[in-house]
Amino acid sequence: MKIKLHIIELIYKMKINKQLEIGDILYSSWGYDQINIDFYKVKRFAGKTMIELVPIESQLTDKQDSSYQDMVVPYPAKEGKPFRRKLQGDYVNLNSYSGARFWDGKPLAQTNSYYGH
């Protein structure tokens, strides 16, 4: 039983600690009394520890869980200004209140614009 549990933990860690690649999408979830979701695309790597990202827009999905939140996905057709940050494994510290992680392809929930944006 211990071996089976250990294998499951290793598989989970491999998925979480995915090596980022150019074109991967990262997301940041932040906010105090509301949840904001921002998306970023990996443009290039600068050395072993620096990464260049560009902010990308999000769009609402057709499926909404409730009237209090919107389900969003990235919309990479429009990119913002590139910027560099230090890469810490699969995590990028963006600023004092948020960081970005690999997006798994599932829609993310953010506070509906009528309730706080």
C-alpha atoms as a PDB file:
ATOM      1  CA  MET A   1       0.000   0.000   0.000  1.00  0.00           C
ATOM      2  CA  LYS A   2       2.870   2.416   0.789  1.00  0.00           C
ATOM      3  CA  ILE A   3       4.455   1.838  -2.615  1.00  0.00           C
ATOM      4  CA  LYS A   4       1.163   2.528  -4.432  1.00  0.00           C
ATOM      5  CA  LEU A   5       0.675   5.751  -2.451  1.00  0.00           C
ATOM      6  CA  HIS A   6       4.265   6.794  -3.187  1.00  0.00           C
ATOM      7  CA  ILE A   7       3.738   6.264  -6.936  1.00  0.00           C
ATOM      8  CA  ILE A   8       0.561   8.369  -6.851  1.00  0.00           C
ATOM      9  CA  GLU A   9       2.434  11.168  -5.046  1.00  0.00           C
ATOM     10  CA  LEU A  10       5.248  11.065  -7.625  1.00  0.00           C
ATOM     11  CA  ILE A  11       2.789  11.301 -10.530  1.00  0.00           C
ATOM     12  CA  TYR A  12       1.055  14.249  -8.837  1.00  0.00           C
ATOM     13  CA  LYS A  13       4.387  16.044  -8.280  1.00  0.00           C
ATOM     14  CA  MET A  14       5.377  15.459 -11.907  1.00  0.00           C
ATOM     15  CA  LYS A  15       2.154  17.106 -13.072  1.00  0.00           C
ATOM     16  CA  ILE A  16       2.541  20.022 -10.662  1.00  0.00           C
ATOM     17  CA  ASN A  17       6.258  20.572 -11.352  1.00  0.00           C
ATOM     18  CA  LYS A  18       5.874  20.573 -15.127  1.00  0.00           C
ATOM     19  CA  GLN A  19       8.769  22.100 -17.009  1.00  0.00           C
ATOM     20  CA  LEU A  20       7.445  25.242 -18.650  1.00  0.00           C
ATOM     21  CA  GLU A  21       7.812  25.630 -22.411  1.00  0.00           C
ATOM     22  CA  ILE A  22       7.491  28.524 -24.836  1.00  0.00           C
ATOM     23  CA  GLY A  23       3.797  29.056 -25.602  1.00  0.00           C
ATOM     24  CA  ASP A  24       2.554  27.663 -22.263  1.00  0.00           C
ATOM     25  CA  ILE A  25      -0.198  29.627 -20.535  1.00  0.00           C
ATOM     26  CA  LEU A  26       0.138  30.673 -16.884  1.00  0.00           C
ATOM     27  CA  TYR A  27      -2.566  32.125 -14.663  1.00  0.00           C
ATOM     28  CA  SER A  28      -2.669  34.312 -11.605  1.00  0.00           C
ATOM     29  CA  SER A  29      -5.555  34.332  -9.134  1.00  0.00           C
ATOM     30  CA  TRP A  30      -5.567  37.311  -6.772  1.00  0.00           C
ATOM     31  CA  GLY A  31      -7.780  39.739  -4.880  1.00  0.00           C
ATOM     32  CA  TYR A  32      -8.925  40.652  -1.388  1.00  0.00           C
ATOM     33  CA  ASP A  33     -12.733  40.690  -1.437  1.00  0.00           C
ATOM     34  CA  GLN A  34     -13.020  39.485  -5.014  1.00  0.00           C
ATOM     35  CA  ILE A  35     -11.198  36.981  -7.205  1.00  0.00           C
ATOM     36  CA  ASN A  36      -9.374  38.258 -10.288  1.00  0.00           C
ATOM     37  CA  ILE A  37      -7.855  35.930 -12.895  1.00  0.00           C
ATOM     38  CA  ASP A  38      -5.039  37.105 -15.176  1.00  0.00           C
ATOM     39  CA  PHE A  39      -3.424  35.016 -17.910  1.00  0.00           C
ATOM     40  CA  TYR A  40       0.120  35.130 -19.299  1.00  0.00           C
ATOM     41  CA  LYS A  41       1.900  33.382 -22.158  1.00  0.00           C
ATOM     42  CA  VAL A  42       5.523  32.223 -21.979  1.00  0.00           C
ATOM     43  CA  LYS A  43       7.434  34.034 -24.757  1.00  0.00           C
ATOM     44  CA  ARG A  44      11.010  32.962 -24.051  1.00  0.00           C
ATOM     45  CA  PHE A  45      13.556  32.042 -21.429  1.00  0.00           C
ATOM     46  CA  ALA A  46      16.517  34.251 -20.560  1.00  0.00           C
ATOM     47  CA  GLY A  47      19.107  32.027 -18.957  1.00  0.00           C
ATOM     48  CA  LYS A  48      18.210  29.373 -16.407  1.00  0.00           C
ATOM     49  CA  THR A  49      16.190  31.480 -13.997  1.00  0.00           C
ATOM     50  CA  MET A  50      14.533  34.284 -15.978  1.00  0.00           C
ATOM     51  CA  ILE A  51      11.364  34.007 -18.032  1.00  0.00           C
ATOM     52  CA  GLU A  52       9.713  36.478 -20.402  1.00  0.00           C
ATOM     53  CA  LEU A  53       5.922  36.616 -20.217  1.00  0.00           C
ATOM     54  CA  VAL A  54       3.247  38.590 -22.015  1.00  0.00           C
ATOM     55  CA  PRO A  55      -0.159  39.309 -20.517  1.00  0.00           C
ATOM     56  CA  ILE A  56      -3.046  37.978 -22.581  1.00  0.00           C
ATOM     57  CA  GLU A  57      -6.754  38.685 -22.401  1.00  0.00           C
ATOM     58  CA  SER A  58      -9.387  36.380 -20.998  1.00  0.00           C
ATOM     59  CA  GLN A  59     -12.832  35.575 -22.303  1.00  0.00           C
ATOM     60  CA  LEU A  60     -15.982  34.290 -20.648  1.00  0.00           C
ATOM     61  CA  THR A  61     -17.017  30.715 -21.290  1.00  0.00           C
ATOM     62  CA  ASP A  62     -20.579  29.769 -22.149  1.00  0.00           C
ATOM     63  CA  LYS A  63     -20.965  27.806 -18.911  1.00  0.00           C
ATOM     64  CA  GLN A  64     -21.364  29.899 -15.775  1.00  0.00           C
ATOM     65  CA  ASP A  65     -21.560  28.258 -12.340  1.00  0.00           C
ATOM     66  CA  SER A  66     -23.472  31.040 -10.595  1.00  0.00           C
ATOM     67  CA  SER A  67     -24.480  34.669 -10.917  1.00  0.00           C
ATOM     68  CA  TYR A  68     -21.663  35.635  -8.521  1.00  0.00           C
ATOM     69  CA  GLN A  69     -18.805  34.383 -10.677  1.00  0.00           C
ATOM     70  CA  ASP A  70     -17.688  34.213 -14.280  1.00  0.00           C
ATOM     71  CA  MET A  71     -15.822  31.257 -15.761  1.00  0.00           C
ATOM     72  CA  VAL A  72     -12.901  32.495 -17.856  1.00  0.00           C
ATOM     73  CA  VAL A  73     -10.300  31.049 -20.219  1.00  0.00           C
ATOM     74  CA  PRO A  74      -7.319  32.739 -21.893  1.00  0.00           C
ATOM     75  CA  TYR A  75      -7.736  34.527 -25.199  1.00  0.00           C
ATOM     76  CA  PRO A  76      -4.179  34.660 -26.596  1.00  0.00           C
ATOM     77  CA  ALA A  77      -5.064  36.540 -29.801  1.00  0.00           C
ATOM     78  CA  LYS A  78      -4.188  39.869 -28.170  1.00  0.00           C
ATOM     79  CA  GLU A  79      -0.913  40.157 -26.244  1.00  0.00           C
ATOM     80  CA  GLY A  80       0.325  42.911 -23.976  1.00  0.00           C
ATOM     81  CA  LYS A  81       3.829  44.255 -23.402  1.00  0.00           C
ATOM     82  CA  PRO A  82       6.459  41.568 -22.588  1.00  0.00           C
ATOM     83  CA  PHE A  83       8.146  41.598 -19.182  1.00  0.00           C
ATOM     84  CA  ARG A  84      10.703  39.441 -17.353  1.00  0.00           C
ATOM     85  CA  ARG A  85      10.487  37.753 -13.986  1.00  0.00           C
ATOM     86  CA  LYS A  86      12.475  35.199 -12.044  1.00  0.00           C
ATOM     87  CA  LEU A  87      11.322  31.622 -12.542  1.00  0.00           C
ATOM     88  CA  GLN A  88      11.072  29.557  -9.345  1.00  0.00           C
ATOM     89  CA  GLY A  89      10.412  25.990 -10.490  1.00  0.00           C
ATOM     90  CA  ASP A  90       6.943  26.143 -12.045  1.00  0.00           C
ATOM     91  CA  TYR A  91       6.043  29.389 -10.229  1.00  0.00           C
ATOM     92  CA  VAL A  92       6.627  33.003 -11.267  1.00  0.00           C
ATOM     93  CA  ASN A  93       6.411  35.732  -8.628  1.00  0.00           C
ATOM     94  CA  LEU A  94       4.701  38.621 -10.442  1.00  0.00           C
ATOM     95  CA  ASN A  95       4.518  41.263  -7.707  1.00  0.00           C
ATOM     96  CA  SER A  96       3.889  41.644  -3.962  1.00  0.00           C
ATOM     97  CA  TYR A  97       0.355  40.219  -4.123  1.00  0.00           C
ATOM     98  CA  SER A  98       0.341  37.604  -6.888  1.00  0.00           C
ATOM     99  CA  GLY A  99       2.220  34.902  -8.716  1.00  0.00           C
ATOM    100  CA  ALA A 100       1.532  32.761 -11.757  1.00  0.00           C
ATOM    101  CA  ARG A 101       1.333  28.995 -12.262  1.00  0.00           C
ATOM    102  CA  PHE A 102       0.806  26.638 -15.200  1.00  0.00           C
ATOM    103  CA  TRP A 103      -2.799  26.675 -16.453  1.00  0.00           C
ATOM    104  CA  ASP A 104      -4.263  23.162 -16.792  1.00  0.00           C
ATOM    105  CA  GLY A 105      -6.762  24.037 -19.539  1.00  0.00           C
ATOM    106  CA  LYS A 106      -9.881  24.158 -17.344  1.00  0.00           C
ATOM    107  CA  PRO A 107     -11.982  27.329 -17.028  1.00  0.00           C
ATOM    108  CA  LEU A 108     -11.270  29.351 -13.885  1.00  0.00           C
ATOM    109  CA  ALA A 109     -13.764  31.220 -11.701  1.00  0.00           C
ATOM    110  CA  GLN A 110     -13.475  34.932 -11.021  1.00  0.00           C
ATOM    111  CA  THR A 111     -15.850  37.337  -9.348  1.00  0.00           C
ATOM    112  CA  ASN A 112     -18.606  38.527 -11.686  1.00  0.00           C
ATOM    113  CA  SER A 113     -18.197  42.160 -12.778  1.00  0.00           C
ATOM    114  CA  TYR A 114     -21.510  43.059 -11.118  1.00  0.00           C
ATOM    115  CA  TYR A 115     -20.171  41.879  -7.749  1.00  0.00           C
ATOM    116  CA  GLY A 116     -16.861  43.648  -7.442  1.00  0.00           C
ATOM    117  CA  HIS A 117     -14.849  44.291 -10.616  1.00  0.00           C
END
